[in-house]
């Protein structure tokens, strides 16, 4: 039986970092995938701000499961050297905040460019980042995301194979659904044994984000299978996306993600996401 370890993008609870910590403690979640801190992206924090964040985390007893970086969300042909400076700042954040994981993406295609045409440069840039990350003792964890090279399960598998598994895979069911790919059983069938950790959000047939288990992402089936086949810990990072939050527009490129309008506050939508996931885990492991 797997041990599911809950983490969360707590900036979806509040943009205020102190309240993020309060929200995690309220819901019994001991980890966060850190992304937004008092309105600033983790990649933009100064070293002094990083140490201040670490002090607050320690005082609250909350650990960082991964750096929720925006790295890899630029187009092929954009200024990669400038992007590397941001990347190195994220590596510094990982070291200061005591995590050995960083979420990354695999770049948008240049205008008019196919994935096949982009692949050599995608892999070359990922290789540069991987070498820097290894020097810093940080594992790069690739998230499937709409529009990037690694949008489909096949392209995620391509990245994993290209780097002999040194770039780990984050499995996001809703992102597959939003990209018109089948999350379960198709994508999971290709990637299930290679999943390093998961982002937990779901989407329905109308491609609107919904709590886990209420969409077509196959989250209950995926977690049940992982529970049966894995013995160790698996991090499940809640990424509710059930209402617009501060910094959301900076995360989206192209068509905006559709969200339900059924929650009055971010605290309410966060609670709905937490309760849905905890309910699925309880059903699996009862």
Protein backbone atom coordinates (compact mmCIF):
# COMPACT_ATOMS: atom_id res chain seq x y z
CA UNK A 1 0.00 0.00 0.00
CA UNK A 2 1.31 3.43 -0.94
CA UNK A 3 1.70 6.26 1.52
CA UNK A 4 0.07 9.31 -0.01
CA UNK A 5 1.72 12.50 1.22
CA UNK A 6 -0.37 15.63 0.75
CA UNK A 7 1.12 18.90 -0.42
CA UNK A 8 -0.57 21.95 -1.97
CA UNK A 9 -0.16 25.12 -3.94
CA UNK A 10 -1.15 27.17 -0.91
CA UNK A 11 -1.18 30.43 -2.87
CA UNK A 12 -4.60 29.25 -4.03
CA UNK A 13 -5.74 29.52 -0.40
CA UNK A 14 -4.37 33.05 -0.01
CA UNK A 15 -1.79 35.31 -1.63
CA UNK A 16 -0.58 36.20 1.88
CA UNK A 17 2.13 33.76 2.91
CA UNK A 18 1.24 33.75 6.62
CA UNK A 19 -2.34 32.80 5.71
CA UNK A 20 -1.07 30.08 3.38
CA UNK A 21 0.64 28.45 6.34
CA UNK A 22 -2.50 28.82 8.44
CA UNK A 23 -4.57 27.18 5.69
CA UNK A 24 -2.23 24.22 5.38
CA UNK A 25 -2.24 23.65 9.15
CA UNK A 26 -6.03 23.98 9.24
CA UNK A 27 -6.35 21.16 6.72
CA UNK A 28 -3.63 18.98 8.20
CA UNK A 29 -1.27 19.34 5.22
CA UNK A 30 2.40 19.33 6.13
CA UNK A 31 3.93 20.31 2.77
CA UNK A 32 3.58 23.01 0.16
CA UNK A 33 4.69 23.30 -3.44
CA UNK A 34 5.76 26.89 -3.13
CA UNK A 35 4.82 29.23 -5.97
CA UNK A 36 3.36 32.58 -4.88
CA UNK A 37 4.65 34.42 -1.80
CA UNK A 38 2.92 37.65 -0.80
CA UNK A 39 2.14 38.37 -4.44
CA UNK A 40 5.60 37.53 -5.79
CA UNK A 41 6.50 34.42 -7.73
CA UNK A 42 9.02 32.17 -6.02
CA UNK A 43 11.42 32.79 -8.92
CA UNK A 44 11.50 36.53 -8.12
CA UNK A 45 12.35 36.32 -4.41
CA UNK A 46 15.61 37.75 -3.17
CA UNK A 47 17.93 35.64 -1.03
CA UNK A 48 16.91 37.66 2.02
CA UNK A 49 13.23 36.99 1.27
CA UNK A 50 13.96 33.28 0.83
CA UNK A 51 15.53 33.09 4.28
CA UNK A 52 12.55 34.95 5.76
CA UNK A 53 10.22 32.41 4.12
CA UNK A 54 12.31 29.54 5.50
CA UNK A 55 12.03 30.96 9.03
CA UNK A 56 8.25 31.12 8.74
CA UNK A 57 8.06 27.59 7.34
CA UNK A 58 10.16 26.26 10.20
CA UNK A 59 8.07 28.07 12.80
CA UNK A 60 4.88 26.62 11.29
CA UNK A 61 6.30 23.12 10.90
CA UNK A 62 5.60 23.15 7.15
CA UNK A 63 8.06 21.69 4.65
CA UNK A 64 8.49 22.44 0.95
CA UNK A 65 7.83 19.45 -1.29
CA UNK A 66 8.94 21.21 -4.47
CA UNK A 67 9.67 24.61 -5.97
CA UNK A 68 6.66 25.41 -8.16
CA UNK A 69 8.75 27.32 -10.65
CA UNK A 70 7.65 28.85 -13.98
CA UNK A 71 10.82 27.57 -15.65
CA UNK A 72 10.28 26.30 -19.18
CA UNK A 73 7.25 28.50 -19.81
CA UNK A 74 8.92 30.53 -22.53
CA UNK A 75 8.97 30.07 -26.28
CA UNK A 76 11.77 28.39 -28.14
CA UNK A 77 13.80 31.31 -29.46
CA UNK A 78 13.11 33.56 -26.44
CA UNK A 79 16.08 34.75 -24.39
CA UNK A 80 17.26 31.49 -22.81
CA UNK A 81 20.26 33.09 -21.07
CA UNK A 82 17.95 35.47 -19.22
CA UNK A 83 15.71 32.52 -18.37
CA UNK A 84 18.70 30.66 -16.95
CA UNK A 85 19.27 33.51 -14.48
CA UNK A 86 15.73 32.99 -13.23
CA UNK A 87 16.34 29.24 -13.15
CA UNK A 88 19.47 29.68 -11.03
CA UNK A 89 17.48 31.79 -8.59
CA UNK A 90 14.97 28.94 -8.31
CA UNK A 91 17.82 26.53 -7.60
CA UNK A 92 18.94 28.87 -4.83
CA UNK A 93 15.39 28.85 -3.45
CA UNK A 94 15.37 25.05 -3.46
CA UNK A 95 18.62 24.93 -1.50
CA UNK A 96 17.54 27.56 1.03
CA UNK A 97 14.06 26.10 1.48
CA UNK A 98 15.47 22.59 1.88
CA UNK A 99 13.84 20.77 -1.02
CA UNK A 100 15.53 18.72 -3.72
CA UNK A 101 12.69 19.07 -6.26
CA UNK A 102 11.73 21.74 -8.78
CA UNK A 103 8.72 21.72 -11.11
CA UNK A 104 9.59 22.71 -14.68
CA UNK A 105 8.01 22.81 -18.14
CA UNK A 106 9.41 22.04 -21.59
CA UNK A 107 8.91 25.27 -23.55
CA UNK A 108 6.31 26.54 -25.98
CA UNK A 109 6.88 26.16 -29.69
CA UNK A 110 8.03 29.18 -31.65
CA UNK A 111 5.29 30.63 -33.85
CA UNK A 112 4.56 28.22 -36.69
CA UNK A 113 6.96 25.61 -35.34
CA UNK A 114 6.02 21.93 -35.00
CA UNK A 115 7.01 19.80 -32.03
CA UNK A 116 9.31 17.79 -34.27
CA UNK A 117 11.08 20.97 -35.38
CA UNK A 118 11.35 22.24 -31.80
CA UNK A 119 12.56 18.98 -30.27
CA UNK A 120 16.34 19.44 -30.74
CA UNK A 121 16.35 22.83 -29.04
CA UNK A 122 13.92 21.69 -26.33
CA UNK A 123 16.22 18.82 -25.43
CA UNK A 124 19.35 20.98 -25.63
CA UNK A 125 17.90 23.56 -23.26
CA UNK A 126 16.61 20.91 -20.87
CA UNK A 127 20.09 19.35 -20.86
CA UNK A 128 21.69 22.66 -19.82
CA UNK A 129 19.16 23.01 -17.02
CA UNK A 130 19.60 19.42 -15.90
CA UNK A 131 23.37 19.78 -15.56
CA UNK A 132 22.99 22.95 -13.48
CA UNK A 133 20.34 21.29 -11.32
CA UNK A 134 22.53 18.23 -10.69
CA UNK A 135 25.34 20.51 -9.54
CA UNK A 136 22.91 22.11 -7.10
CA UNK A 137 21.53 18.77 -5.87
CA UNK A 138 18.05 19.48 -7.24
CA UNK A 139 15.84 17.10 -9.25
CA UNK A 140 13.94 18.57 -12.18
CA UNK A 141 10.33 17.40 -12.32
CA UNK A 142 8.49 17.98 -15.59
CA UNK A 143 4.77 18.77 -15.59
CA UNK A 144 2.58 18.05 -18.60
CA UNK A 145 1.04 21.36 -19.61
CA UNK A 146 -1.03 22.58 -22.53
CA UNK A 147 0.91 24.03 -25.42
CA UNK A 148 4.42 23.04 -24.35
CA UNK A 149 6.55 20.33 -25.93
CA UNK A 150 5.61 17.90 -23.15
CA UNK A 151 1.86 18.33 -23.58
CA UNK A 152 1.10 14.70 -24.41
CA UNK A 153 2.00 11.50 -22.64
CA UNK A 154 4.13 10.49 -25.63
CA UNK A 155 6.21 13.68 -25.41
CA UNK A 156 6.55 13.34 -21.63
CA UNK A 157 7.82 9.81 -22.19
CA UNK A 158 10.22 11.15 -24.83
CA UNK A 159 11.72 13.59 -22.29
CA UNK A 160 11.98 10.87 -19.65
CA UNK A 161 13.78 8.52 -22.06
CA UNK A 162 16.05 11.23 -23.48
CA UNK A 163 17.52 11.88 -20.04
CA UNK A 164 17.43 8.29 -18.75
CA UNK A 165 14.83 9.18 -16.14
CA UNK A 166 16.93 11.96 -14.62
CA UNK A 167 14.15 14.42 -15.43
CA UNK A 168 11.27 13.13 -13.34
CA UNK A 169 7.62 13.20 -14.36
CA UNK A 170 4.75 15.01 -12.65
CA UNK A 171 1.38 13.66 -13.76
CA UNK A 172 -1.42 16.25 -13.95
CA UNK A 173 -4.72 14.60 -14.98
CA UNK A 174 -6.61 17.84 -15.62
CA UNK A 175 -3.91 19.19 -17.92
CA UNK A 176 -4.20 16.10 -20.11
CA UNK A 177 -7.98 16.56 -20.23
CA UNK A 178 -7.67 20.27 -21.00
CA UNK A 179 -5.34 19.42 -23.89
CA UNK A 180 -7.85 16.92 -25.34
CA UNK A 181 -5.73 13.94 -24.30
CA UNK A 182 -7.17 11.01 -22.37
CA UNK A 183 -5.74 11.07 -18.86
CA UNK A 184 -6.96 7.60 -17.89
CA UNK A 185 -6.38 4.97 -19.06
CA UNK A 186 -4.32 6.25 -22.03
CA UNK A 187 -1.81 8.69 -20.51
CA UNK A 188 -1.63 6.80 -17.24
CA UNK A 189 -1.08 3.56 -19.14
CA UNK A 190 2.00 5.09 -20.79
CA UNK A 191 3.41 6.89 -17.76
CA UNK A 192 2.06 5.20 -14.64
CA UNK A 193 5.22 3.38 -13.61
CA UNK A 194 7.29 6.52 -14.23
CA UNK A 195 5.21 8.98 -12.20
CA UNK A 196 7.37 10.70 -9.60
CA UNK A 197 4.58 12.73 -8.06
CA UNK A 198 1.17 14.10 -9.01
CA UNK A 199 -0.64 17.39 -9.27
CA UNK A 200 -4.21 16.80 -8.19
CA UNK A 201 -6.79 18.65 -10.20
CA UNK A 202 -9.59 17.28 -12.33
CA UNK A 203 -11.59 18.48 -15.34
CA UNK A 204 -14.92 17.44 -16.78
CA UNK A 205 -16.05 16.79 -20.35
CA UNK A 206 -16.68 20.50 -20.83
CA UNK A 207 -13.02 21.05 -19.87
CA UNK A 208 -13.94 22.95 -16.76
CA UNK A 209 -11.81 22.36 -13.65
CA UNK A 210 -13.56 20.50 -10.84
CA UNK A 211 -12.67 18.76 -7.55
CA UNK A 212 -10.84 15.44 -7.77
CA UNK A 213 -13.09 12.57 -8.78
CA UNK A 214 -15.79 14.79 -10.26
CA UNK A 215 -14.24 14.95 -13.73
CA UNK A 216 -12.89 12.57 -16.36
CA UNK A 217 -9.23 12.65 -15.26
CA UNK A 218 -9.49 9.22 -13.68
CA UNK A 219 -8.02 10.33 -10.35
CA UNK A 220 -9.75 7.66 -8.21
CA UNK A 221 -8.64 4.91 -10.59
CA UNK A 222 -5.09 6.26 -10.84
CA UNK A 223 -4.67 6.56 -7.08
CA UNK A 224 -6.17 3.12 -6.53
CA UNK A 225 -3.69 1.61 -8.99
CA UNK A 226 -0.74 3.48 -7.47
CA UNK A 227 -1.86 2.35 -4.02
CA UNK A 228 -1.84 -1.25 -5.19
CA UNK A 229 1.50 -1.10 -7.03
CA UNK A 230 3.66 1.26 -4.96
CA UNK A 231 5.04 0.68 -1.48
CA UNK A 232 6.73 4.00 -0.78
CA UNK A 233 5.62 7.59 -0.47
CA UNK A 234 3.89 9.41 -3.34
CA UNK A 235 3.44 13.15 -3.10
CA UNK A 236 0.03 14.44 -4.16
CA UNK A 237 0.11 18.19 -4.62
CA UNK A 238 -3.31 19.81 -4.61
CA UNK A 239 -3.64 22.44 -7.30
CA UNK A 240 -7.32 23.35 -6.85
CA UNK A 241 -7.79 25.86 -9.71
CA UNK A 242 -11.43 26.13 -8.63
CA UNK A 243 -11.49 29.91 -8.73
CA UNK A 244 -9.23 32.66 -10.03
CA UNK A 245 -6.47 33.58 -7.58
CA UNK A 246 -3.76 36.23 -7.52
CA UNK A 247 -1.08 35.36 -10.05
CA UNK A 248 -3.34 33.01 -12.03
CA UNK A 249 -3.19 35.02 -15.25
CA UNK A 250 0.61 34.83 -15.18
CA UNK A 251 0.37 31.02 -15.32
CA UNK A 252 -1.86 30.82 -18.37
CA UNK A 253 -0.92 31.10 -22.04
CA UNK A 254 -3.48 31.16 -24.82
CA UNK A 255 -6.98 29.92 -23.99
CA UNK A 256 -7.76 30.45 -20.31
CA UNK A 257 -8.67 27.54 -18.07
CA UNK A 258 -12.37 27.42 -17.30
CA UNK A 259 -13.24 27.37 -13.62
CA UNK A 260 -16.57 26.89 -11.83
CA UNK A 261 -18.21 29.88 -10.17
CA UNK A 262 -19.66 27.99 -7.23
CA UNK A 263 -17.28 29.07 -4.46
CA UNK A 264 -17.56 32.33 -2.55
CA UNK A 265 -13.96 32.45 -1.34
CA UNK A 266 -10.59 30.91 -2.08
CA UNK A 267 -10.67 29.30 1.36
CA UNK A 268 -13.94 27.58 0.43
CA UNK A 269 -12.65 26.33 -2.92
CA UNK A 270 -9.42 25.12 -1.31
CA UNK A 271 -11.41 23.19 1.29
CA UNK A 272 -13.51 21.58 -1.45
CA UNK A 273 -10.35 20.41 -3.23
CA UNK A 274 -8.83 19.04 -0.02
CA UNK A 275 -11.98 17.22 1.05
CA UNK A 276 -12.47 15.64 -2.36
CA UNK A 277 -8.94 14.24 -2.40
CA UNK A 278 -9.08 13.04 1.20
CA UNK A 279 -12.36 11.32 0.43
CA UNK A 280 -10.87 9.43 -2.50
CA UNK A 281 -7.87 8.31 -0.42
CA UNK A 282 -10.15 7.19 2.42
CA UNK A 283 -12.27 5.13 0.03
CA UNK A 284 -9.16 3.48 -1.45
CA UNK A 285 -7.48 2.66 1.82
CA UNK A 286 -10.43 1.77 4.02
